[in-house]
Protein backbone atom coordinates (compact mmCIF):
# COMPACT_ATOMS: atom_id res chain seq x y z
CA PRO A 1 -1.08 -25.12 -3.96
CA VAL A 2 0.82 -23.78 -6.94
CA VAL A 3 4.01 -22.12 -5.71
CA GLY A 4 5.94 -19.70 -7.89
CA ASP A 5 5.70 -16.42 -9.73
CA ILE A 6 2.64 -16.04 -11.94
CA GLY A 7 4.59 -16.08 -15.23
CA SER A 8 6.38 -19.38 -14.67
CA CYS A 9 3.29 -21.00 -13.10
CA VAL A 10 1.00 -20.10 -16.00
CA ALA A 11 3.63 -21.24 -18.50
CA ALA A 12 3.87 -24.60 -16.71
CA LEU A 13 0.07 -24.98 -16.63
CA LEU A 14 -0.20 -24.20 -20.35
CA SER A 15 2.50 -26.74 -21.11
CA GLY A 16 0.72 -29.37 -19.04
CA MET A 17 -2.59 -28.72 -20.79
CA GLY A 18 -1.09 -29.59 -24.15
CA ALA A 19 -2.04 -28.46 -27.64
CA ASN A 20 -5.44 -30.16 -27.72
CA TRP A 21 -7.03 -28.00 -25.02
CA ALA A 22 -10.18 -26.33 -26.36
CA ALA A 23 -9.86 -22.57 -26.75
CA ALA A 24 -12.22 -20.39 -24.74
CA PRO A 25 -15.14 -18.91 -26.74
CA ALA A 26 -14.10 -15.73 -28.52
CA ASP A 27 -17.25 -13.96 -27.34
CA TRP A 28 -16.28 -14.56 -23.73
CA THR A 29 -12.61 -13.59 -24.06
CA GLY A 30 -13.64 -10.53 -26.05
CA ALA A 31 -16.10 -9.46 -23.35
CA VAL A 32 -13.43 -9.85 -20.66
CA THR A 33 -10.95 -7.81 -22.71
CA ARG A 34 -13.47 -5.04 -23.32
CA LYS A 35 -14.36 -4.89 -19.63
CA ARG A 36 -10.69 -4.69 -18.68
CA GLU A 37 -10.03 -1.89 -21.16
CA GLU A 38 -13.09 -0.04 -19.91
CA ASN A 39 -11.91 -0.27 -16.31
CA VAL A 40 -8.38 0.83 -17.19
CA ALA A 41 -9.71 3.87 -19.05
CA LYS A 42 -12.01 4.75 -16.17
CA MET A 43 -9.20 4.45 -13.63
CA ALA A 44 -6.55 6.41 -15.58
CA PRO A 45 -7.67 9.96 -14.65
CA ARG A 46 -8.06 8.97 -10.99
CA LEU A 47 -4.47 7.77 -10.88
CA MET A 48 -3.20 11.00 -12.46
CA ASN A 49 -4.87 13.54 -10.16
CA ASN A 50 -2.74 15.96 -8.14
CA ASN A 51 -5.25 16.66 -5.38
CA SER A 52 -4.31 18.16 -2.04
CA PRO A 53 -5.05 16.55 0.33
CA MET A 54 -4.29 13.40 -1.60
CA ASP A 55 -6.68 10.54 -2.13
CA TYR A 56 -5.46 6.95 -2.33
CA HIS A 57 -5.62 6.72 -6.10
CA GLY A 58 -3.58 9.87 -6.77
CA ALA A 59 -0.89 8.75 -4.33
CA LEU A 60 -0.82 5.17 -5.61
CA GLY A 61 -0.69 6.36 -9.20
CA VAL A 62 2.65 7.98 -8.40
CA LEU A 63 4.02 4.89 -6.67
CA ARG A 64 2.81 2.74 -9.56
CA THR A 65 4.98 4.82 -11.91
CA ILE A 66 7.97 4.61 -9.59
CA ILE A 67 7.83 0.80 -9.49
CA LYS A 68 7.48 0.69 -13.27
CA GLU A 69 10.59 2.87 -13.58
CA ARG A 70 12.46 0.78 -10.98
CA PRO A 71 11.32 -2.83 -11.54
CA ASP A 72 14.28 -4.21 -9.60
CA ALA A 73 13.14 -2.59 -6.34
CA ILE A 74 11.36 -4.61 -3.65
CA LEU A 75 7.81 -3.51 -2.82
CA VAL A 76 6.54 -4.09 0.72
CA ASN A 77 2.90 -3.30 1.41
CA GLU A 78 0.55 -3.47 4.39
CA GLY A 79 -2.52 -1.69 5.67
CA ALA A 80 -6.26 -1.71 5.09
CA ASN A 81 -7.22 0.59 2.20
CA THR A 82 -3.50 1.09 1.57
CA LEU A 83 -3.08 -2.63 0.97
CA ASP A 84 -6.38 -3.34 -0.79
CA LEU A 85 -6.00 -0.53 -3.32
CA ALA A 86 -2.25 -0.94 -3.87
CA ARG A 87 -2.77 -4.57 -4.84
CA GLY A 88 -5.01 -3.46 -7.68
CA VAL A 89 -3.07 -0.38 -8.76
CA ILE A 90 0.66 -1.17 -8.53
CA ASP A 91 1.85 -3.61 -11.18
CA MET A 92 4.95 -5.78 -10.76
CA TYR A 93 7.41 -6.45 -13.58
CA GLN A 94 9.74 -9.05 -12.07
CA PRO A 95 9.03 -12.13 -9.93
CA ARG A 96 9.69 -12.23 -6.19
CA LYS A 97 9.72 -8.46 -5.83
CA ARG A 98 6.51 -7.96 -3.83
CA LEU A 99 5.95 -8.73 -0.15
CA ASP A 100 2.62 -8.00 1.48
CA VAL A 101 0.80 -9.15 4.57
CA GLY A 102 -1.49 -11.77 3.08
CA THR A 103 -5.06 -11.87 4.35
CA TRP A 104 -6.92 -10.88 7.51
CA GLY A 105 -5.10 -9.56 10.50
CA VAL A 106 -1.37 -10.03 10.03
CA MET A 107 -0.45 -6.35 10.04
CA GLY A 108 2.79 -5.32 11.66
CA ILE A 109 5.23 -7.34 9.58
CA GLY A 110 5.95 -4.58 7.03
CA MET A 111 9.01 -3.17 8.75
CA GLY A 112 10.47 -6.64 9.36
CA TYR A 113 9.87 -7.53 5.71
CA ALA A 114 11.55 -4.30 4.58
CA ILE A 115 14.62 -4.86 6.74
CA ALA A 116 15.00 -8.49 5.67
CA ALA A 117 14.52 -7.64 1.98
CA ALA A 118 17.13 -4.88 2.09
CA ILE A 119 19.69 -7.10 3.86
CA GLU A 120 19.12 -10.24 1.81
CA THR A 121 18.93 -8.65 -1.64
CA GLY A 122 20.89 -5.40 -1.35
CA LYS A 123 18.15 -3.83 -3.48
CA PRO A 124 16.28 -0.62 -2.64
CA VAL A 125 13.02 -1.25 -0.78
CA LEU A 126 9.81 0.77 -1.04
CA ALA A 127 7.54 0.07 1.95
CA VAL A 128 4.01 1.42 1.48
CA GLU A 129 2.29 1.50 4.86
CA GLY A 130 -1.06 2.50 6.26
CA ASP A 131 -0.66 4.61 9.38
CA SER A 132 -2.33 1.92 11.51
CA ALA A 133 -0.13 -0.84 10.06
CA PHE A 134 3.01 1.21 10.65
CA GLY A 135 2.00 1.67 14.27
CA PHE A 136 2.46 -2.03 15.02
CA SER A 137 6.24 -2.00 14.48
CA GLY A 138 7.17 1.56 13.59
CA MET A 139 10.10 1.68 15.99
CA GLU A 140 11.99 -0.52 13.56
CA VAL A 141 12.92 2.74 11.84
CA GLU A 142 15.71 2.80 14.42
CA THR A 143 17.01 -0.53 13.07
CA ILE A 144 16.78 0.77 9.51
CA CYS A 145 18.82 3.83 10.45
CA ARG A 146 21.29 1.90 12.61
CA TYR A 147 22.28 -0.27 9.66
CA ASN A 148 21.84 2.51 7.09
CA LEU A 149 19.51 0.36 4.95
CA PRO A 150 18.19 1.53 1.55
CA VAL A 151 14.57 1.57 2.70
CA CYS A 152 12.03 4.25 1.78
CA ILE A 153 8.88 4.07 3.90
CA VAL A 154 5.77 5.85 2.64
CA ILE A 155 3.04 6.23 5.25
CA PHE A 156 -0.45 6.94 3.99
CA ASN A 157 -1.49 9.14 6.89
CA ASN A 158 -5.27 9.63 6.94
CA ASN A 159 -5.44 10.20 10.71
CA GLY A 160 -7.00 6.86 11.53
CA ILE A 161 -8.07 3.33 10.71
CA TYR A 162 -10.05 3.35 7.44
CA ARG A 163 -11.03 6.99 8.00
CA GLY A 164 -9.85 9.76 10.30
CA THR A 165 -13.30 11.32 10.56
CA ASP A 166 -15.15 8.72 12.66
CA VAL A 167 -17.23 9.85 15.63
CA ASN A 168 -17.40 8.01 18.95
CA PRO A 169 -20.83 6.30 18.88
CA THR A 170 -21.12 6.56 22.67
CA GLY A 171 -20.94 10.34 22.53
CA GLY A 172 -18.95 12.48 24.94
CA SER A 173 -15.62 14.17 24.31
CA ASP A 174 -13.57 11.01 23.68
CA VAL A 175 -12.48 10.48 20.09
CA ALA A 176 -13.49 7.33 18.25
CA THR A 177 -11.16 4.37 18.79
CA THR A 178 -10.39 4.36 15.06
CA VAL A 179 -9.13 7.96 15.07
CA PHE A 180 -5.46 8.78 15.65
CA VAL A 181 -3.71 12.00 16.69
CA LYS A 182 -4.56 14.46 13.95
CA ASP A 183 -1.81 15.39 11.48
CA SER A 184 0.85 13.21 13.13
CA ARG A 185 4.35 13.78 11.76
CA TYR A 186 5.82 10.30 11.38
CA ASP A 187 8.65 11.81 9.36
CA LYS A 188 10.01 13.30 12.57
CA MET A 189 10.48 9.78 13.96
CA MET A 190 12.89 8.97 11.14
CA GLU A 191 14.75 12.23 11.62
CA ALA A 192 15.16 11.43 15.33
CA PHE A 193 17.36 8.47 14.41
CA GLY A 194 19.37 10.25 11.73
CA GLY A 195 17.34 9.27 8.68
CA VAL A 196 15.61 11.53 6.18
CA GLY A 197 12.05 12.62 6.95
CA VAL A 198 9.79 14.27 4.38
CA HIS A 199 6.22 15.56 4.74
CA VAL A 200 4.20 15.72 1.51
CA THR A 201 0.67 16.78 0.65
CA THR A 202 0.41 16.25 -3.13
CA PRO A 203 1.22 13.42 -5.56
CA ASP A 204 3.85 15.62 -7.23
CA GLU A 205 5.63 16.13 -3.91
CA LEU A 206 5.35 12.41 -3.19
CA LYS A 207 6.96 11.49 -6.51
CA ARG A 208 9.90 13.82 -5.93
CA ALA A 209 10.46 12.62 -2.37
CA VAL A 210 10.37 8.90 -3.20
CA ASP A 211 12.56 9.30 -6.28
CA ALA A 212 15.14 11.15 -4.19
CA ALA A 213 15.05 8.44 -1.53
CA MET A 214 15.41 5.59 -4.01
CA ASP A 215 18.28 7.39 -5.77
CA SER A 216 20.15 8.15 -2.54
CA GLY A 217 19.66 4.80 -0.79
CA LYS A 218 19.34 6.66 2.51
CA PRO A 219 16.83 5.55 5.15
CA THR A 220 13.83 7.75 4.42
CA LEU A 221 10.29 8.09 5.71
CA VAL A 222 7.74 10.03 3.66
CA ASN A 223 4.68 11.15 5.60
CA ALA A 224 2.01 11.33 2.89
CA ALA A 225 -1.04 13.27 4.09
CA ILE A 226 -4.17 11.52 2.78
CA ASP A 227 -7.67 13.00 2.96
CA PRO A 228 -9.15 11.65 6.25
CA ALA A 229 -12.47 11.11 4.48
CA ALA A 230 -11.01 9.15 1.55
CA GLY A 231 -11.01 5.67 3.09
CA SER A 232 -13.67 3.00 3.47
CA GLU A 233 -14.01 -0.08 5.64
CA SER A 234 -11.89 -2.86 4.18
CA GLY A 235 -14.06 -5.77 3.05
CA ARG A 236 -17.10 -4.24 4.79
CA ILE A 237 -16.48 -6.67 7.65
CA GLY A 238 -18.32 -4.43 10.09
CA ASN A 239 -21.54 -5.53 8.41
CA LEU A 240 -20.92 -9.00 9.84
CA ASN A 241 -20.88 -7.78 13.43
CA PRO A 242 -23.88 -8.77 15.56
CA GLN A 243 -26.19 -5.83 16.19
CA SER A 244 -27.25 -5.04 19.75
CA LYS A 245 -30.99 -5.18 20.37
CA ILE A 246 -30.53 -2.53 23.04
CA ARG A 247 -28.86 -0.17 20.56
CA LYS A 248 -31.70 -0.68 18.09
CA LYS A 249 -34.25 0.38 20.73
């Protein structure tokens, strides 16, 4: 494996390749550049919307700007859609400033990462969490408040795992196992331990709340209400599940 930030690693690879390495065909590099520019242009209006309830892109567009304005901050990220989309939307400007969960099933480490990053670096930490991911270790907000750490947690609250609109396939009155308590107020958890809790419903409100938290350095949790229908299954892994012959009949 190549270990290091992308800038220093690519520089080392280029140096090792030497000056005689054949350049890639201009047609190919040009096609890649045009495709990138096309995608950036297509994404721009989605990242600038101010919808209420928020979708993932509008909310992440705000956080993308905040990290650009505060490149020295540590970004912690975990979730399903929250993680997948944030990886593609939020750019980093300095090495060793981003901590996320890696791949496949290691959710729950976000709060531990945030606490460790704040203690070890003394820098402000922005932890972007899916509501399911936060649920694994959410009580660590008490630790954050106890030590008065400069951590701002943003929870993308869409009322469930992937979507908050799923229906129990077995019928009856029970909710689907992927659906959480509707309109939960995670911000009240932070307030219970003496931190700052904020509930927001638009990207504009989200920007103001996170900026205030990063400026103050106070333990803050921002409950960002996301449209329950905005999410999709991460990686479409459900398609790999074996299908019951009985269910098909």
